[in-house]
PDB file of all heavy atoms in Angstrom:
ATOM      1  N   ALA A   1      -1.664  33.831  55.778  1.00  0.00           N
ATOM      2  CA  ALA A   1      -2.747  34.598  55.122  1.00  0.00           C
ATOM      3  C   ALA A   1      -2.659  34.519  53.620  1.00  0.00           C
ATOM      4  O   ALA A   1      -3.687  34.743  52.932  1.00  0.00           O
ATOM      5  CB  ALA A   1      -2.691  36.037  55.580  1.00  0.00           C
ATOM      6  N   ASN A   2      -1.508  34.197  53.085  1.00  0.00           N
ATOM      7  CA  ASN A   2      -1.301  34.140  51.635  1.00  0.00           C
ATOM      8  C   ASN A   2      -1.268  32.725  51.079  1.00  0.00           C
ATOM      9  O   ASN A   2      -0.949  32.513  49.917  1.00  0.00           O
ATOM     10  CB  ASN A   2       0.017  34.872  51.252  1.00  0.00           C
ATOM     11  CG  ASN A   2      -0.178  36.355  51.213  1.00  0.00           C
ATOM     12  OD1 ASN A   2      -0.665  36.923  50.243  1.00  0.00           O
ATOM     13  ND2 ASN A   2       0.229  37.034  52.293  1.00  0.00           N
ATOM     14  N   LEU A   3      -1.644  31.743  51.908  1.00  0.00           N
ATOM     15  CA  LEU A   3      -1.749  30.391  51.406  1.00  0.00           C
ATOM     16  C   LEU A   3      -2.753  30.302  50.252  1.00  0.00           C
ATOM     17  O   LEU A   3      -3.746  31.031  50.218  1.00  0.00           O
ATOM     18  CB  LEU A   3      -2.193  29.398  52.536  1.00  0.00           C
ATOM     19  CG  LEU A   3      -1.152  29.106  53.618  1.00  0.00           C
ATOM     20  CD1 LEU A   3      -1.782  28.330  54.760  1.00  0.00           C
ATOM     21  CD2 LEU A   3       0.044  28.359  53.066  1.00  0.00           C
ATOM     22  N   GLU A   4      -2.519  29.386  49.330  1.00  0.00           N
ATOM     23  CA  GLU A   4      -3.393  29.160  48.205  1.00  0.00           C
ATOM     24  C   GLU A   4      -3.828  27.646  48.223  1.00  0.00           C
ATOM     25  O   GLU A   4      -3.315  26.834  47.459  1.00  0.00           O
ATOM     26  CB  GLU A   4      -2.684  29.438  46.888  1.00  0.00           C
ATOM     27  CG  GLU A   4      -2.245  30.889  46.694  1.00  0.00           C
ATOM     28  CD  GLU A   4      -3.398  31.830  46.393  1.00  0.00           C
ATOM     29  OE1 GLU A   4      -4.515  31.282  46.110  1.00  0.00           O
ATOM     30  OE2 GLU A   4      -3.200  33.034  46.427  1.00  0.00           O
ATOM     31  N   PRO A   5      -4.725  27.329  49.143  1.00  0.00           N
ATOM     32  CA  PRO A   5      -5.033  25.928  49.378  1.00  0.00           C
ATOM     33  C   PRO A   5      -5.589  25.228  48.157  1.00  0.00           C
ATOM     34  O   PRO A   5      -6.437  25.752  47.430  1.00  0.00           O
ATOM     35  CB  PRO A   5      -6.086  25.971  50.494  1.00  0.00           C
ATOM     36  CG  PRO A   5      -5.948  27.278  51.131  1.00  0.00           C
ATOM     37  CD  PRO A   5      -5.491  28.190  50.050  1.00  0.00           C
ATOM     38  N   LYS A   6      -5.103  24.013  47.914  1.00  0.00           N
ATOM     39  CA  LYS A   6      -5.597  23.192  46.833  1.00  0.00           C
ATOM     40  C   LYS A   6      -7.042  22.748  47.157  1.00  0.00           C
ATOM     41  O   LYS A   6      -7.863  22.574  46.277  1.00  0.00           O
ATOM     42  CB  LYS A   6      -4.692  21.968  46.661  1.00  0.00           C
ATOM     43  CG  LYS A   6      -4.993  21.130  45.419  1.00  0.00           C
ATOM     44  CD  LYS A   6      -4.550  21.829  44.150  1.00  0.00           C
ATOM     45  CE  LYS A   6      -4.635  20.899  42.948  1.00  0.00           C
ATOM     46  NZ  LYS A   6      -4.250  21.571  41.688  1.00  0.00           N
ATOM     47  N   ALA A   7      -7.311  22.529  48.479  1.00  0.00           N
ATOM     48  CA  ALA A   7      -8.636  22.185  48.914  1.00  0.00           C
ATOM     49  C   ALA A   7      -9.417  23.434  49.293  1.00  0.00           C
ATOM     50  O   ALA A   7      -8.952  24.257  50.113  1.00  0.00           O
ATOM     51  CB  ALA A   7      -8.562  21.253  50.140  1.00  0.00           C
ATOM     52  N   ASN A   8     -10.608  23.633  48.713  1.00  0.00           N
ATOM     53  CA  ASN A   8     -11.378  24.829  48.997  1.00  0.00           C
ATOM     54  C   ASN A   8     -11.974  24.818  50.403  1.00  0.00           C
ATOM     55  O   ASN A   8     -12.501  25.816  50.879  1.00  0.00           O
ATOM     56  CB  ASN A   8     -12.484  25.052  47.958  1.00  0.00           C
ATOM     57  CG  ASN A   8     -13.598  23.983  48.084  1.00  0.00           C
ATOM     58  OD1 ASN A   8     -13.424  22.936  48.686  1.00  0.00           O
ATOM     59  ND2 ASN A   8     -14.731  24.278  47.418  1.00  0.00           N
ATOM     60  N   ASP A   9     -11.855  23.652  51.095  1.00  0.00           N
ATOM     61  CA  ASP A   9     -12.394  23.551  52.457  1.00  0.00           C
ATOM     62  C   ASP A   9     -11.254  23.393  53.488  1.00  0.00           C
ATOM     63  O   ASP A   9     -11.472  22.857  54.563  1.00  0.00           O
ATOM     64  CB  ASP A   9     -13.367  22.397  52.560  1.00  0.00           C
ATOM     65  CG  ASP A   9     -12.830  21.076  52.008  1.00  0.00           C
ATOM     66  OD1 ASP A   9     -11.707  21.046  51.483  1.00  0.00           O
ATOM     67  OD2 ASP A   9     -13.551  20.054  52.093  1.00  0.00           O
ATOM     68  N   PHE A  10     -10.079  23.895  53.116  1.00  0.00           N
ATOM     69  CA  PHE A  10      -8.943  23.904  54.062  1.00  0.00           C
ATOM     70  C   PHE A  10      -9.207  24.933  55.168  1.00  0.00           C
ATOM     71  O   PHE A  10      -9.717  26.040  54.925  1.00  0.00           O
ATOM     72  CB  PHE A  10      -7.662  24.238  53.312  1.00  0.00           C
ATOM     73  CG  PHE A  10      -6.482  24.541  54.231  1.00  0.00           C
ATOM     74  CD1 PHE A  10      -5.749  23.461  54.786  1.00  0.00           C
ATOM     75  CD2 PHE A  10      -6.115  25.842  54.546  1.00  0.00           C
ATOM     76  CE1 PHE A  10      -4.682  23.727  55.596  1.00  0.00           C
ATOM     77  CE2 PHE A  10      -5.036  26.095  55.383  1.00  0.00           C
ATOM     78  CZ  PHE A  10      -4.316  25.044  55.904  1.00  0.00           C
ATOM     79  N   ARG A  11      -8.833  24.599  56.406  1.00  0.00           N
ATOM     80  CA  ARG A  11      -8.996  25.482  57.546  1.00  0.00           C
ATOM     81  C   ARG A  11      -7.769  25.495  58.406  1.00  0.00           C
ATOM     82  O   ARG A  11      -7.126  24.477  58.688  1.00  0.00           O
ATOM     83  CB  ARG A  11     -10.221  25.074  58.391  1.00  0.00           C
ATOM     84  CG  ARG A  11     -11.582  25.269  57.725  1.00  0.00           C
ATOM     85  CD  ARG A  11     -11.888  26.733  57.514  1.00  0.00           C
ATOM     86  NE  ARG A  11     -13.191  26.963  56.946  1.00  0.00           N
ATOM     87  CZ  ARG A  11     -13.492  27.040  55.647  1.00  0.00           C
ATOM     88  NH1 ARG A  11     -12.536  26.862  54.755  1.00  0.00           N
ATOM     89  NH2 ARG A  11     -14.720  27.262  55.238  1.00  0.00           N
ATOM     90  N   ILE A  12      -7.447  26.706  58.879  1.00  0.00           N
ATOM     91  CA  ILE A  12      -6.365  26.895  59.897  1.00  0.00           C
ATOM     92  C   ILE A  12      -7.058  26.886  61.258  1.00  0.00           C
ATOM     93  O   ILE A  12      -7.887  27.725  61.547  1.00  0.00           O
ATOM     94  CB  ILE A  12      -5.633  28.231  59.708  1.00  0.00           C
ATOM     95  CG1 ILE A  12      -5.013  28.322  58.300  1.00  0.00           C
ATOM     96  CG2 ILE A  12      -4.589  28.455  60.785  1.00  0.00           C
ATOM     97  CD1 ILE A  12      -4.536  29.715  57.929  1.00  0.00           C
ATOM     98  N   PHE A  13      -6.687  25.922  62.096  1.00  0.00           N
ATOM     99  CA  PHE A  13      -7.193  25.846  63.476  1.00  0.00           C
ATOM    100  C   PHE A  13      -6.218  26.632  64.384  1.00  0.00           C
ATOM    101  O   PHE A  13      -5.207  26.103  64.799  1.00  0.00           O
ATOM    102  CB  PHE A  13      -7.337  24.400  63.906  1.00  0.00           C
ATOM    103  CG  PHE A  13      -8.570  23.726  63.305  1.00  0.00           C
ATOM    104  CD1 PHE A  13      -8.621  23.417  61.964  1.00  0.00           C
ATOM    105  CD2 PHE A  13      -9.631  23.408  64.113  1.00  0.00           C
ATOM    106  CE1 PHE A  13      -9.724  22.816  61.392  1.00  0.00           C
ATOM    107  CE2 PHE A  13     -10.771  22.805  63.586  1.00  0.00           C
ATOM    108  CZ  PHE A  13     -10.822  22.481  62.224  1.00  0.00           C
ATOM    109  N   TRP A  14      -6.543  27.872  64.628  1.00  0.00           N
ATOM    110  CA  TRP A  14      -5.691  28.868  65.309  1.00  0.00           C
ATOM    111  C   TRP A  14      -6.051  28.858  66.776  1.00  0.00           C
ATOM    112  O   TRP A  14      -6.888  29.592  67.246  1.00  0.00           O
ATOM    113  CB  TRP A  14      -5.959  30.230  64.671  1.00  0.00           C
ATOM    114  CG  TRP A  14      -4.917  31.321  64.786  1.00  0.00           C
ATOM    115  CD1 TRP A  14      -5.055  32.454  65.512  1.00  0.00           C
ATOM    116  CD2 TRP A  14      -3.659  31.392  64.133  1.00  0.00           C
ATOM    117  NE1 TRP A  14      -3.953  33.258  65.357  1.00  0.00           N
ATOM    118  CE2 TRP A  14      -3.077  32.637  64.483  1.00  0.00           C
ATOM    119  CE3 TRP A  14      -2.960  30.568  63.249  1.00  0.00           C
ATOM    120  CZ2 TRP A  14      -1.817  33.055  64.022  1.00  0.00           C
ATOM    121  CZ3 TRP A  14      -1.735  30.984  62.776  1.00  0.00           C
ATOM    122  CH2 TRP A  14      -1.152  32.194  63.177  1.00  0.00           C
ATOM    123  N   ASP A  15      -5.398  27.972  67.523  1.00  0.00           N
ATOM    124  CA  ASP A  15      -5.688  27.771  68.971  1.00  0.00           C
ATOM    125  C   ASP A  15      -4.947  28.849  69.752  1.00  0.00           C
ATOM    126  O   ASP A  15      -3.791  28.646  70.186  1.00  0.00           O
ATOM    127  CB  ASP A  15      -5.283  26.377  69.392  1.00  0.00           C
ATOM    128  CG  ASP A  15      -5.623  26.075  70.842  1.00  0.00           C
ATOM    129  OD1 ASP A  15      -6.194  26.960  71.511  1.00  0.00           O
ATOM    130  OD2 ASP A  15      -5.292  24.972  71.302  1.00  0.00           O
ATOM    131  N   ASN A  16      -5.606  29.975  69.952  1.00  0.00           N
ATOM    132  CA  ASN A  16      -4.964  31.139  70.582  1.00  0.00           C
ATOM    133  C   ASN A  16      -5.076  31.074  72.115  1.00  0.00           C
ATOM    134  O   ASN A  16      -5.506  32.053  72.754  1.00  0.00           O
ATOM    135  CB  ASN A  16      -5.578  32.408  70.044  1.00  0.00           C
ATOM    136  CG  ASN A  16      -4.538  33.535  69.812  1.00  0.00           C
ATOM    137  OD1 ASN A  16      -3.459  33.462  70.348  1.00  0.00           O
ATOM    138  ND2 ASN A  16      -4.912  34.550  69.074  1.00  0.00           N
ATOM    139  N   ALA A  17      -4.705  29.924  72.655  1.00  0.00           N
ATOM    140  CA  ALA A  17      -4.939  29.645  74.093  1.00  0.00           C
ATOM    141  C   ALA A  17      -4.173  30.620  75.008  1.00  0.00           C
ATOM    142  O   ALA A  17      -4.644  30.895  76.112  1.00  0.00           O
ATOM    143  CB  ALA A  17      -4.502  28.197  74.391  1.00  0.00           C
ATOM    144  N   TYR A  18      -3.029  31.116  74.586  1.00  0.00           N
ATOM    145  CA  TYR A  18      -2.178  31.905  75.468  1.00  0.00           C
ATOM    146  C   TYR A  18      -2.018  33.331  75.023  1.00  0.00           C
ATOM    147  O   TYR A  18      -1.003  33.970  75.333  1.00  0.00           O
ATOM    148  CB  TYR A  18      -0.794  31.211  75.612  1.00  0.00           C
ATOM    149  CG  TYR A  18      -0.936  29.781  76.026  1.00  0.00           C
ATOM    150  CD1 TYR A  18      -0.645  28.706  75.138  1.00  0.00           C
ATOM    151  CD2 TYR A  18      -1.443  29.436  77.287  1.00  0.00           C
ATOM    152  CE1 TYR A  18      -0.835  27.401  75.530  1.00  0.00           C
ATOM    153  CE2 TYR A  18      -1.635  28.113  77.667  1.00  0.00           C
ATOM    154  CZ  TYR A  18      -1.306  27.092  76.779  1.00  0.00           C
ATOM    155  OH  TYR A  18      -1.487  25.783  77.155  1.00  0.00           O
ATOM    156  N   VAL A  19      -3.050  33.861  74.317  1.00  0.00           N
ATOM    157  CA  VAL A  19      -2.958  35.174  73.735  1.00  0.00           C
ATOM    158  C   VAL A  19      -2.700  36.268  74.748  1.00  0.00           C
ATOM    159  O   VAL A  19      -2.061  37.293  74.433  1.00  0.00           O
ATOM    160  CB  VAL A  19      -4.256  35.479  72.936  1.00  0.00           C
ATOM    161  CG1 VAL A  19      -5.475  35.413  73.794  1.00  0.00           C
ATOM    162  CG2 VAL A  19      -4.140  36.811  72.207  1.00  0.00           C
ATOM    163  N   ILE A  20      -3.136  36.101  76.011  1.00  0.00           N
ATOM    164  CA  ILE A  20      -2.875  37.087  77.042  1.00  0.00           C
ATOM    165  C   ILE A  20      -2.147  36.488  78.261  1.00  0.00           C
ATOM    166  O   ILE A  20      -2.168  37.076  79.333  1.00  0.00           O
ATOM    167  CB  ILE A  20      -4.147  37.831  77.514  1.00  0.00           C
ATOM    168  CG1 ILE A  20      -5.234  36.834  77.869  1.00  0.00           C
ATOM    169  CG2 ILE A  20      -4.661  38.762  76.403  1.00  0.00           C
ATOM    170  CD1 ILE A  20      -6.458  37.519  78.466  1.00  0.00           C
ATOM    171  N   HIS A  21      -1.499  35.374  78.053  1.00  0.00           N
ATOM    172  CA  HIS A  21      -0.779  34.700  79.154  1.00  0.00           C
ATOM    173  C   HIS A  21       0.672  35.101  79.145  1.00  0.00           C
ATOM    174  O   HIS A  21       1.566  34.257  78.949  1.00  0.00           O
ATOM    175  CB  HIS A  21      -0.950  33.174  79.032  1.00  0.00           C
ATOM    176  CG  HIS A  21      -2.321  32.654  79.359  1.00  0.00           C
ATOM    177  ND1 HIS A  21      -3.418  32.905  78.585  1.00  0.00           N
ATOM    178  CD2 HIS A  21      -2.758  31.907  80.409  1.00  0.00           C
ATOM    179  CE1 HIS A  21      -4.475  32.306  79.141  1.00  0.00           C
ATOM    180  NE2 HIS A  21      -4.101  31.713  80.260  1.00  0.00           N
ATOM    181  N   HIS A  22       0.905  36.372  79.375  1.00  0.00           N
ATOM    182  CA  HIS A  22       2.271  36.888  79.412  1.00  0.00           C
ATOM    183  C   HIS A  22       2.861  36.740  80.805  1.00  0.00           C
ATOM    184  O   HIS A  22       2.151  36.819  81.825  1.00  0.00           O
ATOM    185  CB  HIS A  22       2.275  38.355  79.031  1.00  0.00           C
ATOM    186  CG  HIS A  22       1.522  38.715  77.805  1.00  0.00           C
ATOM    187  ND1 HIS A  22       1.814  38.129  76.571  1.00  0.00           N
ATOM    188  CD2 HIS A  22       0.446  39.521  77.583  1.00  0.00           C
ATOM    189  CE1 HIS A  22       0.974  38.613  75.662  1.00  0.00           C
ATOM    190  NE2 HIS A  22       0.144  39.443  76.250  1.00  0.00           N
ATOM    191  N   LEU A  23       4.174  36.525  80.857  1.00  0.00           N
ATOM    192  CA  LEU A  23       4.865  36.423  82.126  1.00  0.00           C
ATOM    193  C   LEU A  23       5.527  37.742  82.563  1.00  0.00           C
ATOM    194  O   LEU A  23       5.752  37.995  83.734  1.00  0.00           O
ATOM    195  CB  LEU A  23       5.933  35.337  82.085  1.00  0.00           C
ATOM    196  CG  LEU A  23       5.446  33.885  82.034  1.00  0.00           C
ATOM    197  CD1 LEU A  23       6.620  32.942  81.769  1.00  0.00           C
ATOM    198  CD2 LEU A  23       4.689  33.501  83.300  1.00  0.00           C
ATOM    199  N   PHE A  24       5.813  38.560  81.545  1.00  0.00           N
ATOM    200  CA  PHE A  24       6.589  39.794  81.813  1.00  0.00           C
ATOM    201  C   PHE A  24       5.959  40.973  81.087  1.00  0.00           C
ATOM    202  O   PHE A  24       5.190  40.797  80.117  1.00  0.00           O
ATOM    203  CB  PHE A  24       8.046  39.606  81.366  1.00  0.00           C
ATOM    204  CG  PHE A  24       8.671  38.312  81.848  1.00  0.00           C
ATOM    205  CD1 PHE A  24       8.877  37.252  80.928  1.00  0.00           C
ATOM    206  CD2 PHE A  24       9.028  38.122  83.136  1.00  0.00           C
ATOM    207  CE1 PHE A  24       9.433  36.075  81.346  1.00  0.00           C
ATOM    208  CE2 PHE A  24       9.590  36.955  83.584  1.00  0.00           C
ATOM    209  CZ  PHE A  24       9.783  35.914  82.694  1.00  0.00           C
ATOM    210  N   GLU A  25       6.331  42.161  81.521  1.00  0.00           N
ATOM    211  CA  GLU A  25       5.875  43.370  80.807  1.00  0.00           C
ATOM    212  C   GLU A  25       6.434  43.399  79.412  1.00  0.00           C
ATOM    213  O   GLU A  25       5.780  43.817  78.464  1.00  0.00           O
ATOM    214  CB  GLU A  25       6.329  44.638  81.582  1.00  0.00           C
ATOM    215  CG  GLU A  25       5.604  44.853  82.884  1.00  0.00           C
ATOM    216  CD  GLU A  25       4.117  45.192  82.707  1.00  0.00           C
ATOM    217  OE1 GLU A  25       3.803  45.799  81.643  1.00  0.00           O
ATOM    218  OE2 GLU A  25       3.304  44.868  83.592  1.00  0.00           O
ATOM    219  N   ASP A  26       7.672  42.933  79.238  1.00  0.00           N
ATOM    220  CA  ASP A  26       8.279  42.826  77.938  1.00  0.00           C
ATOM    221  C   ASP A  26       7.861  41.510  77.299  1.00  0.00           C
ATOM    222  O   ASP A  26       8.596  40.523  77.299  1.00  0.00           O
ATOM    223  CB  ASP A  26       9.798  42.904  78.078  1.00  0.00           C
ATOM    224  CG  ASP A  26      10.532  42.698  76.755  1.00  0.00           C
ATOM    225  OD1 ASP A  26       9.913  43.003  75.696  1.00  0.00           O
ATOM    226  OD2 ASP A  26      11.666  42.171  76.750  1.00  0.00           O
ATOM    227  N   HIS A  27       6.644  41.500  76.754  1.00  0.00           N
ATOM    228  CA  HIS A  27       6.089  40.243  76.263  1.00  0.00           C
ATOM    229  C   HIS A  27       6.068  40.190  74.735  1.00  0.00           C
ATOM    230  O   HIS A  27       6.236  41.194  74.068  1.00  0.00           O
ATOM    231  CB  HIS A  27       4.704  40.002  76.837  1.00  0.00           C
ATOM    232  CG  HIS A  27       3.720  41.128  76.549  1.00  0.00           C
ATOM    233  ND1 HIS A  27       3.156  41.313  75.283  1.00  0.00           N
ATOM    234  CD2 HIS A  27       3.208  42.099  77.331  1.00  0.00           C
ATOM    235  CE1 HIS A  27       2.334  42.319  75.301  1.00  0.00           C
ATOM    236  NE2 HIS A  27       2.334  42.839  76.536  1.00  0.00           N
ATOM    237  N   ASP A  28       5.801  38.989  74.226  1.00  0.00           N
ATOM    238  CA  ASP A  28       5.663  38.827  72.777  1.00  0.00           C
ATOM    239  C   ASP A  28       4.361  39.425  72.291  1.00  0.00           C
ATOM    240  O   ASP A  28       3.393  39.558  73.071  1.00  0.00           O
ATOM    241  CB  ASP A  28       5.699  37.333  72.410  1.00  0.00           C
ATOM    242  CG  ASP A  28       7.068  36.688  72.645  1.00  0.00           C
ATOM    243  OD1 ASP A  28       8.016  37.431  72.928  1.00  0.00           O
ATOM    244  OD2 ASP A  28       7.138  35.444  72.572  1.00  0.00           O
ATOM    245  N   THR A  29       4.319  39.746  71.003  1.00  0.00           N
ATOM    246  CA  THR A  29       3.075  40.182  70.356  1.00  0.00           C
ATOM    247  C   THR A  29       2.846  39.348  69.117  1.00  0.00           C
ATOM    248  O   THR A  29       3.832  38.837  68.499  1.00  0.00           O
ATOM    249  CB  THR A  29       3.143  41.670  69.956  1.00  0.00           C
ATOM    250  OG1 THR A  29       4.258  41.886  69.092  1.00  0.00           O
ATOM    251  CG2 THR A  29       3.257  42.568  71.191  1.00  0.00           C
ATOM    252  N   LEU A  30       1.620  39.157  68.746  1.00  0.00           N
ATOM    253  CA  LEU A  30       1.225  38.324  67.627  1.00  0.00           C
ATOM    254  C   LEU A  30       0.471  39.125  66.614  1.00  0.00           C
ATOM    255  O   LEU A  30      -0.509  39.784  66.978  1.00  0.00           O
ATOM    256  CB  LEU A  30       0.397  37.124  68.106  1.00  0.00           C
ATOM    257  CG  LEU A  30      -0.118  36.154  67.066  1.00  0.00           C
ATOM    258  CD1 LEU A  30       1.002  35.363  66.441  1.00  0.00           C
ATOM    259  CD2 LEU A  30      -1.190  35.248  67.656  1.00  0.00           C
ATOM    260  N   LEU A  31       0.903  39.089  65.370  1.00  0.00           N
ATOM    261  CA  LEU A  31       0.164  39.726  64.306  1.00  0.00           C
ATOM    262  C   LEU A  31      -1.209  39.119  64.141  1.00  0.00           C
ATOM    263  O   LEU A  31      -1.374  37.888  64.271  1.00  0.00           O
ATOM    264  CB  LEU A  31       0.952  39.600  62.979  1.00  0.00           C
ATOM    265  CG  LEU A  31       0.459  40.451  61.792  1.00  0.00           C
ATOM    266  CD1 LEU A  31       0.607  41.947  62.080  1.00  0.00           C
ATOM    267  CD2 LEU A  31       1.243  40.083  60.534  1.00  0.00           C
ATOM    268  N   ASN A  32      -2.227  39.923  63.871  1.00  0.00           N
ATOM    269  CA  ASN A  32      -3.610  39.489  63.786  1.00  0.00           C
ATOM    270  C   ASN A  32      -3.843  38.727  62.452  1.00  0.00           C
ATOM    271  O   ASN A  32      -3.859  39.333  61.367  1.00  0.00           O
ATOM    272  CB  ASN A  32      -4.526  40.709  63.831  1.00  0.00           C
ATOM    273  CG  ASN A  32      -6.009  40.344  63.866  1.00  0.00           C
ATOM    274  OD1 ASN A  32      -6.402  39.288  63.385  1.00  0.00           O
ATOM    275  ND2 ASN A  32      -6.810  41.240  64.410  1.00  0.00           N
ATOM    276  N   LEU A  33      -4.012  37.407  62.562  1.00  0.00           N
ATOM    277  CA  LEU A  33      -4.177  36.588  61.370  1.00  0.00           C
ATOM    278  C   LEU A  33      -5.450  36.966  60.615  1.00  0.00           C
ATOM    279  O   LEU A  33      -5.467  37.033  59.372  1.00  0.00           O
ATOM    280  CB  LEU A  33      -4.173  35.104  61.718  1.00  0.00           C
ATOM    281  CG  LEU A  33      -4.422  34.143  60.539  1.00  0.00           C
ATOM    282  CD1 LEU A  33      -3.352  34.269  59.490  1.00  0.00           C
ATOM    283  CD2 LEU A  33      -4.554  32.716  61.031  1.00  0.00           C
ATOM    284  N   MET A  34      -6.560  37.180  61.347  1.00  0.00           N
ATOM    285  CA  MET A  34      -7.811  37.442  60.631  1.00  0.00           C
ATOM    286  C   MET A  34      -7.698  38.764  59.849  1.00  0.00           C
ATOM    287  O   MET A  34      -8.164  38.821  58.710  1.00  0.00           O
ATOM    288  CB  MET A  34      -8.948  37.576  61.655  1.00  0.00           C
ATOM    289  CG  MET A  34     -10.301  37.865  61.020  1.00  0.00           C
ATOM    290  SD  MET A  34     -10.836  36.629  59.780  1.00  0.00           S
ATOM    291  CE  MET A  34     -11.559  35.417  60.885  1.00  0.00           C
ATOM    292  N   ALA A  35      -7.049  39.773  60.410  1.00  0.00           N
ATOM    293  CA  ALA A  35      -6.876  41.024  59.705  1.00  0.00           C
ATOM    294  C   ALA A  35      -6.048  40.823  58.441  1.00  0.00           C
ATOM    295  O   ALA A  35      -6.337  41.391  57.374  1.00  0.00           O
ATOM    296  CB  ALA A  35      -6.208  42.083  60.610  1.00  0.00           C
ATOM    297  N   GLU A  36      -5.001  39.995  58.543  1.00  0.00           N
ATOM    298  CA  GLU A  36      -4.157  39.715  57.386  1.00  0.00           C
ATOM    299  C   GLU A  36      -4.930  38.919  56.340  1.00  0.00           C
ATOM    300  O   GLU A  36      -4.753  39.140  55.130  1.00  0.00           O
ATOM    301  CB  GLU A  36      -2.892  38.960  57.824  1.00  0.00           C
ATOM    302  CG  GLU A  36      -1.930  39.759  58.689  1.00  0.00           C
ATOM    303  CD  GLU A  36      -1.478  41.032  58.010  1.00  0.00           C
ATOM    304  OE1 GLU A  36      -1.057  40.986  56.833  1.00  0.00           O
ATOM    305  OE2 GLU A  36      -1.538  42.109  58.663  1.00  0.00           O
ATOM    306  N   CYS A  37      -5.799  37.995  56.786  1.00  0.00           N
ATOM    307  CA  CYS A  37      -6.570  37.206  55.841  1.00  0.00           C
ATOM    308  C   CYS A  37      -7.611  38.039  55.116  1.00  0.00           C
ATOM    309  O   CYS A  37      -7.959  37.785  53.957  1.00  0.00           O
ATOM    310  CB  CYS A  37      -7.234  36.014  56.557  1.00  0.00           C
ATOM    311  SG  CYS A  37      -6.103  34.659  56.934  1.00  0.00           S
ATOM    312  N   LYS A  38      -8.106  39.039  55.792  1.00  0.00           N
ATOM    313  CA  LYS A  38      -9.063  39.940  55.107  1.00  0.00           C
ATOM    314  C   LYS A  38      -8.401  40.723  53.984  1.00  0.00           C
ATOM    315  O   LYS A  38      -9.020  41.020  52.967  1.00  0.00           O
ATOM    316  CB  LYS A  38      -9.704  40.899  56.146  1.00  0.00           C
ATOM    317  CG  LYS A  38     -10.723  40.217  57.038  1.00  0.00           C
ATOM    318  CD  LYS A  38     -11.285  41.151  58.096  1.00  0.00           C
ATOM    319  CE  LYS A  38     -12.315  40.428  58.976  1.00  0.00           C
ATOM    320  NZ  LYS A  38     -12.849  41.314  60.034  1.00  0.00           N
ATOM    321  N   LYS A  39      -7.128  41.019  54.162  1.00  0.00           N
ATOM    322  CA  LYS A  39      -6.383  41.711  53.136  1.00  0.00           C
ATOM    323  C   LYS A  39      -6.228  40.831  51.871  1.00  0.00           C
ATOM    324  O   LYS A  39      -6.172  41.341  50.751  1.00  0.00           O
ATOM    325  CB  LYS A  39      -4.983  42.104  53.626  1.00  0.00           C
ATOM    326  CG  LYS A  39      -4.954  43.143  54.759  1.00  0.00           C
ATOM    327  CD  LYS A  39      -3.555  43.390  55.200  1.00  0.00           C
ATOM    328  CE  LYS A  39      -3.471  44.290  56.416  1.00  0.00           C
ATOM    329  NZ  LYS A  39      -2.090  44.479  56.907  1.00  0.00           N
ATOM    330  N   THR A  40      -6.173  39.510  52.075  1.00  0.00           N
ATOM    331  CA  THR A  40      -5.977  38.616  50.937  1.00  0.00           C
ATOM    332  C   THR A  40      -7.301  37.952  50.521  1.00  0.00           C
ATOM    333  O   THR A  40      -7.260  37.112  49.615  1.00  0.00           O
ATOM    334  CB  THR A  40      -4.957  37.506  51.300  1.00  0.00           C
ATOM    335  OG1 THR A  40      -5.456  36.736  52.432  1.00  0.00           O
ATOM    336  CG2 THR A  40      -3.605  38.127  51.696  1.00  0.00           C
ATOM    337  N   GLY A  41      -8.385  38.331  51.179  1.00  0.00           N
ATOM    338  CA  GLY A  41      -9.675  37.712  50.823  1.00  0.00           C
ATOM    339  C   GLY A  41      -9.789  36.274  51.286  1.00  0.00           C
ATOM    340  O   GLY A  41     -10.598  35.503  50.732  1.00  0.00           O
ATOM    341  N   LYS A  42      -9.068  35.909  52.349  1.00  0.00           N
ATOM    342  CA  LYS A  42      -9.040  34.505  52.793  1.00  0.00           C
ATOM    343  C   LYS A  42      -9.626  34.337  54.202  1.00  0.00           C
ATOM    344  O   LYS A  42      -9.295  33.376  54.920  1.00  0.00           O
ATOM    345  CB  LYS A  42      -7.575  33.980  52.807  1.00  0.00           C
ATOM    346  CG  LYS A  42      -6.797  34.184  51.502  1.00  0.00           C
ATOM    347  CD  LYS A  42      -7.111  33.090  50.511  1.00  0.00           C
ATOM    348  CE  LYS A  42      -6.319  33.323  49.218  1.00  0.00           C
ATOM    349  NZ  LYS A  42      -4.869  33.331  49.406  1.00  0.00           N
TER     350      LYS A  42
END
């Protein structure tokens, strides 16, 4: 979220294919990139 791209048309391709593909109750969590980018205006 804090990247400072040299190219103004740089894009992060965030392939969130497995966002709810958990195997166990004790599963991983992922910080919301869009929310973080809004904080930095990106």
